[in-house]
Amino acid sequence: MSGSRDQQVPRSVRRHFEIGGRVQMVGFRAFAAHHGQRLGLKGWVCNTHAGGVQVTAEGQAELVEEFLSLLRHGPAAARVTSFSVTEEEPGPVLADFSSLG
């Protein structure tokens, strides 16, 4: 039983991001989907009617933080001017990371 305390299961977190600026028509969704998949996160990315991008991501806390850092800048052609993060409770299992729409 001595090893069970030393082996902690990584904490899973879920975050929802609202990103504004020049984030449509610049490959932002593909950028987010690629990095979400690369980091092994669950979730999705989609454009909003207001011209922004929404992202929900779930996974190990450190990986979600790394993803957040990538999204704050986006791909080279993007210009992120607003960024909000909402913490959510991990809930129903999300699918592998994908781009919607």
PDB file of N, CA and C in Angstrom:
ATOM      1  N   MET A   1       0.798  -1.185   0.000  1.00  0.00           N
ATOM      2  CA  MET A   1       0.000   0.000   0.000  1.00  0.00           C
ATOM      3  C   MET A   1       0.853   1.266   0.000  1.00  0.00           C
ATOM      4  N   SER A   2       2.152   1.144   0.183  1.00  0.00           N
ATOM      5  CA  SER A   2       2.974   2.343   0.275  1.00  0.00           C
ATOM      6  C   SER A   2       3.029   3.116  -1.039  1.00  0.00           C
ATOM      7  N   GLY A   3       2.888   2.473  -2.184  1.00  0.00           N
ATOM      8  CA  GLY A   3       2.967   3.159  -3.460  1.00  0.00           C
ATOM      9  C   GLY A   3       1.701   3.885  -3.859  1.00  0.00           C
ATOM     10  N   SER A   4       0.559   3.561  -3.274  1.00  0.00           N
ATOM     11  CA  SER A   4      -0.698   4.159  -3.715  1.00  0.00           C
ATOM     12  C   SER A   4      -0.769   5.656  -3.421  1.00  0.00           C
ATOM     13  N   ARG A   5      -0.167   6.100  -2.330  1.00  0.00           N
ATOM     14  CA  ARG A   5      -0.192   7.511  -2.005  1.00  0.00           C
ATOM     15  C   ARG A   5       0.738   8.319  -2.915  1.00  0.00           C
ATOM     16  N   ASP A   6       1.831   7.711  -3.338  1.00  0.00           N
ATOM     17  CA  ASP A   6       2.810   8.394  -4.180  1.00  0.00           C
ATOM     18  C   ASP A   6       2.315   8.573  -5.605  1.00  0.00           C
ATOM     19  N   GLN A   7       1.422   7.739  -6.041  1.00  0.00           N
ATOM     20  CA  GLN A   7       0.925   7.799  -7.413  1.00  0.00           C
ATOM     21  C   GLN A   7      -0.401   8.544  -7.439  1.00  0.00           C
ATOM     22  N   GLN A   8      -0.334   9.844  -7.729  1.00  0.00           N
ATOM     23  CA  GLN A   8      -1.553  10.621  -7.793  1.00  0.00           C
ATOM     24  C   GLN A   8      -2.039  10.675  -9.231  1.00  0.00           C
ATOM     25  N   VAL A   9      -3.330  10.548  -9.387  1.00  0.00           N
ATOM     26  CA  VAL A   9      -3.938  10.663 -10.703  1.00  0.00           C
ATOM     27  C   VAL A   9      -3.954  12.142 -11.077  1.00  0.00           C
ATOM     28  N   PRO A  10      -3.438  12.496 -12.289  1.00  0.00           N
ATOM     29  CA  PRO A  10      -3.457  13.907 -12.682  1.00  0.00           C
ATOM     30  C   PRO A  10      -4.879  14.459 -12.649  1.00  0.00           C
ATOM     31  N   ARG A  11      -5.014  15.677 -12.133  1.00  0.00           N
ATOM     32  CA  ARG A  11      -6.309  16.322 -12.006  1.00  0.00           C
ATOM     33  C   ARG A  11      -6.814  16.758 -13.373  1.00  0.00           C
ATOM     34  N   SER A  12      -8.054  16.426 -13.663  1.00  0.00           N
ATOM     35  CA  SER A  12      -8.680  16.826 -14.920  1.00  0.00           C
ATOM     36  C   SER A  12      -9.479  18.102 -14.693  1.00  0.00           C
ATOM     37  N   VAL A  13      -9.332  19.058 -15.620  1.00  0.00           N
ATOM     38  CA  VAL A  13     -10.071  20.316 -15.546  1.00  0.00           C
ATOM     39  C   VAL A  13     -10.759  20.555 -16.881  1.00  0.00           C
ATOM     40  N   ARG A  14     -11.805  21.383 -16.846  1.00  0.00           N
ATOM     41  CA  ARG A  14     -12.491  21.792 -18.074  1.00  0.00           C
ATOM     42  C   ARG A  14     -12.554  23.311 -18.088  1.00  0.00           C
ATOM     43  N   ARG A  15     -12.190  23.892 -19.228  1.00  0.00           N
ATOM     44  CA  ARG A  15     -12.224  25.336 -19.402  1.00  0.00           C
ATOM     45  C   ARG A  15     -12.961  25.676 -20.690  1.00  0.00           C
ATOM     46  N   HIS A  16     -13.681  26.802 -20.642  1.00  0.00           N
ATOM     47  CA  HIS A  16     -14.351  27.316 -21.836  1.00  0.00           C
ATOM     48  C   HIS A  16     -13.704  28.671 -22.147  1.00  0.00           C
ATOM     49  N   PHE A  17     -13.299  28.861 -23.394  1.00  0.00           N
ATOM     50  CA  PHE A  17     -12.616  30.070 -23.824  1.00  0.00           C
ATOM     51  C   PHE A  17     -13.469  30.819 -24.840  1.00  0.00           C
ATOM     52  N   GLU A  18     -13.531  32.127 -24.703  1.00  0.00           N
ATOM     53  CA  GLU A  18     -14.157  33.017 -25.685  1.00  0.00           C
ATOM     54  C   GLU A  18     -13.038  33.912 -26.198  1.00  0.00           C
ATOM     55  N   ILE A  19     -12.791  33.865 -27.502  1.00  0.00           N
ATOM     56  CA  ILE A  19     -11.654  34.567 -28.082  1.00  0.00           C
ATOM     57  C   ILE A  19     -12.152  35.508 -29.168  1.00  0.00           C
ATOM     58  N   GLY A  20     -11.723  36.761 -29.101  1.00  0.00           N
ATOM     59  CA  GLY A  20     -12.146  37.754 -30.078  1.00  0.00           C
ATOM     60  C   GLY A  20     -10.956  38.401 -30.757  1.00  0.00           C
ATOM     61  N   GLY A  21     -11.261  39.112 -31.819  1.00  0.00           N
ATOM     62  CA  GLY A  21     -10.228  39.779 -32.608  1.00  0.00           C
ATOM     63  C   GLY A  21     -10.282  39.271 -34.037  1.00  0.00           C
ATOM     64  N   ARG A  22      -9.143  39.269 -34.692  1.00  0.00           N
ATOM     65  CA  ARG A  22      -9.091  38.685 -36.044  1.00  0.00           C
ATOM     66  C   ARG A  22      -8.787  37.194 -35.869  1.00  0.00           C
ATOM     67  N   VAL A  23      -9.852  36.420 -35.660  1.00  0.00           N
ATOM     68  CA  VAL A  23      -9.696  34.998 -35.354  1.00  0.00           C
ATOM     69  C   VAL A  23     -10.489  34.093 -36.299  1.00  0.00           C
ATOM     70  N   GLN A  24     -11.223  34.693 -37.226  1.00  0.00           N
ATOM     71  CA  GLN A  24     -11.904  33.898 -38.253  1.00  0.00           C
ATOM     72  C   GLN A  24     -11.224  34.149 -39.593  1.00  0.00           C
ATOM     73  N   MET A  25     -11.232  33.138 -40.429  1.00  0.00           N
ATOM     74  CA  MET A  25     -10.610  33.186 -41.757  1.00  0.00           C
ATOM     75  C   MET A  25      -9.077  33.274 -41.679  1.00  0.00           C
ATOM     76  N   VAL A  26      -8.502  32.848 -40.550  1.00  0.00           N
ATOM     77  CA  VAL A  26      -7.047  32.871 -40.387  1.00  0.00           C
ATOM     78  C   VAL A  26      -6.504  31.515 -39.927  1.00  0.00           C
ATOM     79  N   GLY A  27      -7.357  30.477 -39.950  1.00  0.00           N
ATOM     80  CA  GLY A  27      -6.929  29.139 -39.544  1.00  0.00           C
ATOM     81  C   GLY A  27      -6.938  28.903 -38.042  1.00  0.00           C
ATOM     82  N   PHE A  28      -7.684  29.722 -37.306  1.00  0.00           N
ATOM     83  CA  PHE A  28      -7.693  29.582 -35.852  1.00  0.00           C
ATOM     84  C   PHE A  28      -8.302  28.248 -35.418  1.00  0.00           C
ATOM     85  N   ARG A  29      -9.403  27.858 -36.025  1.00  0.00           N
ATOM     86  CA  ARG A  29     -10.041  26.589 -35.628  1.00  0.00           C
ATOM     87  C   ARG A  29      -9.112  25.411 -35.889  1.00  0.00           C
ATOM     88  N   ALA A  30      -8.444  25.396 -37.047  1.00  0.00           N
ATOM     89  CA  ALA A  30      -7.510  24.308 -37.367  1.00  0.00           C
ATOM     90  C   ALA A  30      -6.333  24.313 -36.387  1.00  0.00           C
ATOM     91  N   PHE A  31      -5.845  25.509 -36.054  1.00  0.00           N
ATOM     92  CA  PHE A  31      -4.755  25.669 -35.090  1.00  0.00           C
ATOM     93  C   PHE A  31      -5.163  25.077 -33.735  1.00  0.00           C
ATOM     94  N   ALA A  32      -6.347  25.463 -33.246  1.00  0.00           N
ATOM     95  CA  ALA A  32      -6.830  24.980 -31.954  1.00  0.00           C
ATOM     96  C   ALA A  32      -7.052  23.472 -31.979  1.00  0.00           C
ATOM     97  N   ALA A  33      -7.665  22.965 -33.039  1.00  0.00           N
ATOM     98  CA  ALA A  33      -7.925  21.525 -33.128  1.00  0.00           C
ATOM     99  C   ALA A  33      -6.610  20.742 -33.153  1.00  0.00           C
ATOM    100  N   HIS A  34      -5.655  21.228 -33.920  1.00  0.00           N
ATOM    101  CA  HIS A  34      -4.350  20.545 -34.005  1.00  0.00           C
ATOM    102  C   HIS A  34      -3.694  20.452 -32.627  1.00  0.00           C
ATOM    103  N   HIS A  35      -3.624  21.588 -31.920  1.00  0.00           N
ATOM    104  CA  HIS A  35      -2.956  21.590 -30.619  1.00  0.00           C
ATOM    105  C   HIS A  35      -3.765  20.860 -29.552  1.00  0.00           C
ATOM    106  N   GLY A  36      -5.086  20.931 -29.629  1.00  0.00           N
ATOM    107  CA  GLY A  36      -5.905  20.160 -28.701  1.00  0.00           C
ATOM    108  C   GLY A  36      -5.672  18.665 -28.864  1.00  0.00           C
ATOM    109  N   GLN A  37      -5.598  18.205 -30.112  1.00  0.00           N
ATOM    110  CA  GLN A  37      -5.334  16.792 -30.380  1.00  0.00           C
ATOM    111  C   GLN A  37      -3.916  16.413 -29.958  1.00  0.00           C
ATOM    112  N   ARG A  38      -2.952  17.279 -30.280  1.00  0.00           N
ATOM    113  CA  ARG A  38      -1.545  17.014 -29.954  1.00  0.00           C
ATOM    114  C   ARG A  38      -1.343  16.868 -28.446  1.00  0.00           C
ATOM    115  N   LEU A  39      -2.069  17.666 -27.677  1.00  0.00           N
ATOM    116  CA  LEU A  39      -1.955  17.619 -26.223  1.00  0.00           C
ATOM    117  C   LEU A  39      -2.825  16.536 -25.588  1.00  0.00           C
ATOM    118  N   GLY A  40      -3.615  15.839 -26.400  1.00  0.00           N
ATOM    119  CA  GLY A  40      -4.453  14.756 -25.887  1.00  0.00           C
ATOM    120  C   GLY A  40      -5.673  15.243 -25.133  1.00  0.00           C
ATOM    121  N   LEU A  41      -6.138  16.472 -25.457  1.00  0.00           N
ATOM    122  CA  LEU A  41      -7.308  17.023 -24.781  1.00  0.00           C
ATOM    123  C   LEU A  41      -8.600  16.533 -25.426  1.00  0.00           C
ATOM    124  N   LYS A  42      -9.669  16.665 -24.702  1.00  0.00           N
ATOM    125  CA  LYS A  42     -11.012  16.416 -25.222  1.00  0.00           C
ATOM    126  C   LYS A  42     -11.668  17.769 -25.407  1.00  0.00           C
ATOM    127  N   GLY A  43     -12.541  17.911 -26.392  1.00  0.00           N
ATOM    128  CA  GLY A  43     -13.240  19.177 -26.531  1.00  0.00           C
ATOM    129  C   GLY A  43     -13.539  19.552 -27.952  1.00  0.00           C
ATOM    130  N   TRP A  44     -13.774  20.850 -28.149  1.00  0.00           N
ATOM    131  CA  TRP A  44     -14.191  21.339 -29.461  1.00  0.00           C
ATOM    132  C   TRP A  44     -13.850  22.816 -29.618  1.00  0.00           C
ATOM    133  N   VAL A  45     -13.854  23.273 -30.879  1.00  0.00           N
ATOM    134  CA  VAL A  45     -13.671  24.680 -31.216  1.00  0.00           C
ATOM    135  C   VAL A  45     -14.669  25.021 -32.313  1.00  0.00           C
ATOM    136  N   CYS A  46     -15.248  26.230 -32.251  1.00  0.00           N
ATOM    137  CA  CYS A  46     -16.162  26.660 -33.309  1.00  0.00           C
ATOM    138  C   CYS A  46     -16.168  28.184 -33.405  1.00  0.00           C
ATOM    139  N   ASN A  47     -16.567  28.684 -34.572  1.00  0.00           N
ATOM    140  CA  ASN A  47     -16.745  30.118 -34.776  1.00  0.00           C
ATOM    141  C   ASN A  47     -18.043  30.561 -34.115  1.00  0.00           C
ATOM    142  N   THR A  48     -18.105  31.840 -33.750  1.00  0.00           N
ATOM    143  CA  THR A  48     -19.342  32.414 -33.224  1.00  0.00           C
ATOM    144  C   THR A  48     -19.936  33.337 -34.284  1.00  0.00           C
ATOM    145  N   HIS A  49     -21.212  33.626 -34.147  1.00  0.00           N
ATOM    146  CA  HIS A  49     -21.873  34.544 -35.077  1.00  0.00           C
ATOM    147  C   HIS A  49     -21.327  35.968 -34.945  1.00  0.00           C
ATOM    148  N   ALA A  50     -20.766  36.292 -33.796  1.00  0.00           N
ATOM    149  CA  ALA A  50     -20.236  37.633 -33.546  1.00  0.00           C
ATOM    150  C   ALA A  50     -18.825  37.833 -34.100  1.00  0.00           C
ATOM    151  N   GLY A  51     -18.257  36.802 -34.733  1.00  0.00           N
ATOM    152  CA  GLY A  51     -16.932  36.927 -35.336  1.00  0.00           C
ATOM    153  C   GLY A  51     -15.794  36.415 -34.478  1.00  0.00           C
ATOM    154  N   GLY A  52     -16.112  35.797 -33.361  1.00  0.00           N
ATOM    155  CA  GLY A  52     -15.090  35.244 -32.477  1.00  0.00           C
ATOM    156  C   GLY A  52     -14.991  33.738 -32.606  1.00  0.00           C
ATOM    157  N   VAL A  53     -14.305  33.147 -31.660  1.00  0.00           N
ATOM    158  CA  VAL A  53     -14.135  31.700 -31.602  1.00  0.00           C
ATOM    159  C   VAL A  53     -14.420  31.262 -30.167  1.00  0.00           C
ATOM    160  N   GLN A  54     -15.110  30.134 -30.022  1.00  0.00           N
ATOM    161  CA  GLN A  54     -15.351  29.501 -28.722  1.00  0.00           C
ATOM    162  C   GLN A  54     -14.594  28.189 -28.681  1.00  0.00           C
ATOM    163  N   VAL A  55     -14.058  27.870 -27.520  1.00  0.00           N
ATOM    164  CA  VAL A  55     -13.333  26.613 -27.344  1.00  0.00           C
ATOM    165  C   VAL A  55     -13.701  26.040 -25.984  1.00  0.00           C
ATOM    166  N   THR A  56     -13.949  24.756 -25.923  1.00  0.00           N
ATOM    167  CA  THR A  56     -14.069  24.051 -24.652  1.00  0.00           C
ATOM    168  C   THR A  56     -13.031  22.936 -24.675  1.00  0.00           C
ATOM    169  N   ALA A  57     -12.243  22.857 -23.605  1.00  0.00           N
ATOM    170  CA  ALA A  57     -11.179  21.854 -23.536  1.00  0.00           C
ATOM    171  C   ALA A  57     -11.156  21.220 -22.157  1.00  0.00           C
ATOM    172  N   GLU A  58     -10.887  19.926 -22.139  1.00  0.00           N
ATOM    173  CA  GLU A  58     -10.793  19.188 -20.882  1.00  0.00           C
ATOM    174  C   GLU A  58      -9.605  18.257 -20.947  1.00  0.00           C
ATOM    175  N   GLY A  59      -8.892  18.178 -19.838  1.00  0.00           N
ATOM    176  CA  GLY A  59      -7.739  17.285 -19.747  1.00  0.00           C
ATOM    177  C   GLY A  59      -6.939  17.600 -18.497  1.00  0.00           C
ATOM    178  N   GLN A  60      -5.716  17.091 -18.447  1.00  0.00           N
ATOM    179  CA  GLN A  60      -4.845  17.348 -17.312  1.00  0.00           C
ATOM    180  C   GLN A  60      -4.613  18.851 -17.188  1.00  0.00           C
ATOM    181  N   ALA A  61      -4.641  19.345 -15.974  1.00  0.00           N
ATOM    182  CA  ALA A  61      -4.553  20.782 -15.718  1.00  0.00           C
ATOM    183  C   ALA A  61      -3.361  21.428 -16.413  1.00  0.00           C
ATOM    184  N   GLU A  62      -2.189  20.799 -16.354  1.00  0.00           N
ATOM    185  CA  GLU A  62      -0.997  21.395 -16.969  1.00  0.00           C
ATOM    186  C   GLU A  62      -1.146  21.511 -18.473  1.00  0.00           C
ATOM    187  N   LEU A  63      -1.777  20.520 -19.084  1.00  0.00           N
ATOM    188  CA  LEU A  63      -1.949  20.528 -20.540  1.00  0.00           C
ATOM    189  C   LEU A  63      -2.986  21.553 -20.968  1.00  0.00           C
ATOM    190  N   VAL A  64      -4.034  21.720 -20.186  1.00  0.00           N
ATOM    191  CA  VAL A  64      -5.035  22.744 -20.498  1.00  0.00           C
ATOM    192  C   VAL A  64      -4.403  24.125 -20.373  1.00  0.00           C
ATOM    193  N   GLU A  65      -3.525  24.328 -19.398  1.00  0.00           N
ATOM    194  CA  GLU A  65      -2.827  25.607 -19.247  1.00  0.00           C
ATOM    195  C   GLU A  65      -1.901  25.869 -20.429  1.00  0.00           C
ATOM    196  N   GLU A  66      -1.222  24.841 -20.900  1.00  0.00           N
ATOM    197  CA  GLU A  66      -0.367  24.986 -22.084  1.00  0.00           C
ATOM    198  C   GLU A  66      -1.214  25.366 -23.301  1.00  0.00           C
ATOM    199  N   PHE A  67      -2.364  24.723 -23.437  1.00  0.00           N
ATOM    200  CA  PHE A  67      -3.290  25.005 -24.534  1.00  0.00           C
ATOM    201  C   PHE A  67      -3.773  26.456 -24.447  1.00  0.00           C
ATOM    202  N   LEU A  68      -4.123  26.903 -23.242  1.00  0.00           N
ATOM    203  CA  LEU A  68      -4.567  28.279 -23.020  1.00  0.00           C
ATOM    204  C   LEU A  68      -3.500  29.256 -23.524  1.00  0.00           C
ATOM    205  N   SER A  69      -2.254  28.993 -23.210  1.00  0.00           N
ATOM    206  CA  SER A  69      -1.161  29.859 -23.641  1.00  0.00           C
ATOM    207  C   SER A  69      -1.072  29.924 -25.168  1.00  0.00           C
ATOM    208  N   LEU A  70      -1.250  28.802 -25.828  1.00  0.00           N
ATOM    209  CA  LEU A  70      -1.225  28.773 -27.296  1.00  0.00           C
ATOM    210  C   LEU A  70      -2.391  29.564 -27.877  1.00  0.00           C
ATOM    211  N   LEU A  71      -3.582  29.404 -27.290  1.00  0.00           N
ATOM    212  CA  LEU A  71      -4.761  30.090 -27.805  1.00  0.00           C
ATOM    213  C   LEU A  71      -4.678  31.603 -27.630  1.00  0.00           C
ATOM    214  N   ARG A  72      -4.004  32.074 -26.614  1.00  0.00           N
ATOM    215  CA  ARG A  72      -3.879  33.517 -26.386  1.00  0.00           C
ATOM    216  C   ARG A  72      -3.204  34.224 -27.559  1.00  0.00           C
ATOM    217  N   HIS A  73      -2.402  33.474 -28.320  1.00  0.00           N
ATOM    218  CA  HIS A  73      -1.693  34.048 -29.468  1.00  0.00           C
ATOM    219  C   HIS A  73      -2.284  33.587 -30.791  1.00  0.00           C
ATOM    220  N   GLY A  74      -2.696  32.316 -30.857  1.00  0.00           N
ATOM    221  CA  GLY A  74      -3.271  31.774 -32.086  1.00  0.00           C
ATOM    222  C   GLY A  74      -2.234  31.623 -33.189  1.00  0.00           C
ATOM    223  N   PRO A  75      -2.701  31.323 -34.389  1.00  0.00           N
ATOM    224  CA  PRO A  75      -1.788  31.188 -35.521  1.00  0.00           C
ATOM    225  C   PRO A  75      -1.218  32.550 -35.924  1.00  0.00           C
ATOM    226  N   ALA A  76      -0.203  32.545 -36.759  1.00  0.00           N
ATOM    227  CA  ALA A  76       0.517  33.776 -37.124  1.00  0.00           C
ATOM    228  C   ALA A  76      -0.398  34.877 -37.666  1.00  0.00           C
ATOM    229  N   ALA A  77      -1.407  34.537 -38.457  1.00  0.00           N
ATOM    230  CA  ALA A  77      -2.272  35.546 -39.079  1.00  0.00           C
ATOM    231  C   ALA A  77      -3.339  36.100 -38.128  1.00  0.00           C
ATOM    232  N   ALA A  78      -3.514  35.479 -36.988  1.00  0.00           N
ATOM    233  CA  ALA A  78      -4.546  35.916 -36.036  1.00  0.00           C
ATOM    234  C   ALA A  78      -4.062  37.107 -35.214  1.00  0.00           C
ATOM    235  N   ARG A  79      -5.021  37.887 -34.740  1.00  0.00           N
ATOM    236  CA  ARG A  79      -4.756  38.975 -33.806  1.00  0.00           C
ATOM    237  C   ARG A  79      -5.804  38.886 -32.704  1.00  0.00           C
ATOM    238  N   VAL A  80      -5.408  38.275 -31.600  1.00  0.00           N
ATOM    239  CA  VAL A  80      -6.320  38.112 -30.463  1.00  0.00           C
ATOM    240  C   VAL A  80      -6.379  39.425 -29.694  1.00  0.00           C
ATOM    241  N   THR A  81      -7.593  39.978 -29.571  1.00  0.00           N
ATOM    242  CA  THR A  81      -7.765  41.236 -28.845  1.00  0.00           C
ATOM    243  C   THR A  81      -8.597  41.066 -27.573  1.00  0.00           C
ATOM    244  N   SER A  82      -9.310  39.959 -27.447  1.00  0.00           N
ATOM    245  CA  SER A  82     -10.040  39.679 -26.205  1.00  0.00           C
ATOM    246  C   SER A  82      -9.990  38.186 -25.943  1.00  0.00           C
ATOM    247  N   PHE A  83      -9.937  37.854 -24.659  1.00  0.00           N
ATOM    248  CA  PHE A  83      -9.776  36.450 -24.277  1.00  0.00           C
ATOM    249  C   PHE A  83     -10.378  36.271 -22.902  1.00  0.00           C
ATOM    250  N   SER A  84     -11.363  35.398 -22.790  1.00  0.00           N
ATOM    251  CA  SER A  84     -11.924  35.117 -21.466  1.00  0.00           C
ATOM    252  C   SER A  84     -11.916  33.611 -21.230  1.00  0.00           C
ATOM    253  N   VAL A  85     -11.747  33.262 -19.974  1.00  0.00           N
ATOM    254  CA  VAL A  85     -11.694  31.859 -19.562  1.00  0.00           C
ATOM    255  C   VAL A  85     -12.722  31.637 -18.474  1.00  0.00           C
ATOM    256  N   THR A  86     -13.534  30.609 -18.641  1.00  0.00           N
ATOM    257  CA  THR A  86     -14.501  30.213 -17.620  1.00  0.00           C
ATOM    258  C   THR A  86     -14.165  28.801 -17.171  1.00  0.00           C
ATOM    259  N   GLU A  87     -13.996  28.630 -15.869  1.00  0.00           N
ATOM    260  CA  GLU A  87     -13.776  27.289 -15.326  1.00  0.00           C
ATOM    261  C   GLU A  87     -15.109  26.557 -15.295  1.00  0.00           C
ATOM    262  N   GLU A  88     -15.092  25.312 -15.725  1.00  0.00           N
ATOM    263  CA  GLU A  88     -16.291  24.475 -15.687  1.00  0.00           C
ATOM    264  C   GLU A  88     -15.946  23.186 -14.970  1.00  0.00           C
ATOM    265  N   GLU A  89     -16.939  22.597 -14.360  1.00  0.00           N
ATOM    266  CA  GLU A  89     -16.748  21.289 -13.744  1.00  0.00           C
ATOM    267  C   GLU A  89     -16.689  20.240 -14.842  1.00  0.00           C
ATOM    268  N   PRO A  90     -15.702  19.330 -14.777  1.00  0.00           N
ATOM    269  CA  PRO A  90     -15.726  18.230 -15.735  1.00  0.00           C
ATOM    270  C   PRO A  90     -17.069  17.517 -15.617  1.00  0.00           C
ATOM    271  N   GLY A  91     -17.709  17.299 -16.741  1.00  0.00           N
ATOM    272  CA  GLY A  91     -19.036  16.696 -16.740  1.00  0.00           C
ATOM    273  C   GLY A  91     -19.064  15.503 -17.658  1.00  0.00           C
ATOM    274  N   PRO A  92     -20.087  15.446 -18.476  1.00  0.00           N
ATOM    275  CA  PRO A  92     -20.159  14.343 -19.425  1.00  0.00           C
ATOM    276  C   PRO A  92     -18.890  14.296 -20.260  1.00  0.00           C
ATOM    277  N   VAL A  93     -18.484  13.119 -20.587  1.00  0.00           N
ATOM    278  CA  VAL A  93     -17.239  12.929 -21.327  1.00  0.00           C
ATOM    279  C   VAL A  93     -17.324  13.602 -22.687  1.00  0.00           C
ATOM    280  N   LEU A  94     -16.342  14.448 -22.968  1.00  0.00           N
ATOM    281  CA  LEU A  94     -16.256  15.105 -24.266  1.00  0.00           C
ATOM    282  C   LEU A  94     -15.556  14.161 -25.243  1.00  0.00           C
ATOM    283  N   ALA A  95     -15.811  14.354 -26.521  1.00  0.00           N
ATOM    284  CA  ALA A  95     -15.158  13.556 -27.561  1.00  0.00           C
ATOM    285  C   ALA A  95     -13.746  14.063 -27.773  1.00  0.00           C
ATOM    286  N   ASP A  96     -12.951  13.311 -28.534  1.00  0.00           N
ATOM    287  CA  ASP A  96     -11.625  13.778 -28.901  1.00  0.00           C
ATOM    288  C   ASP A  96     -11.727  15.141 -29.523  1.00  0.00           C
ATOM    289  N   PHE A  97     -10.718  15.952 -29.393  1.00  0.00           N
ATOM    290  CA  PHE A  97     -10.773  17.344 -29.808  1.00  0.00           C
ATOM    291  C   PHE A  97     -11.112  17.479 -31.294  1.00  0.00           C
ATOM    292  N   SER A  98     -12.069  18.362 -31.603  1.00  0.00           N
ATOM    293  CA  SER A  98     -12.480  18.533 -32.991  1.00  0.00           C
ATOM    294  C   SER A  98     -12.922  19.970 -33.261  1.00  0.00           C
ATOM    295  N   SER A  99     -12.951  20.299 -34.535  1.00  0.00           N
ATOM    296  CA  SER A  99     -13.428  21.592 -34.990  1.00  0.00           C
ATOM    297  C   SER A  99     -14.851  21.405 -35.471  1.00  0.00           C
ATOM    298  N   LEU A 100     -15.782  22.222 -34.955  1.00  0.00           N
ATOM    299  CA  LEU A 100     -17.190  22.146 -35.351  1.00  0.00           C
ATOM    300  C   LEU A 100     -17.470  23.197 -36.396  1.00  0.00           C
ATOM    301  N   GLY A 101     -18.342  22.879 -37.324  1.00  0.00           N
ATOM    302  CA  GLY A 101     -18.799  23.864 -38.300  1.00  0.00           C
ATOM    303  C   GLY A 101     -17.805  24.091 -39.334  1.00  0.00           C
TER     304      GLY A 101
END
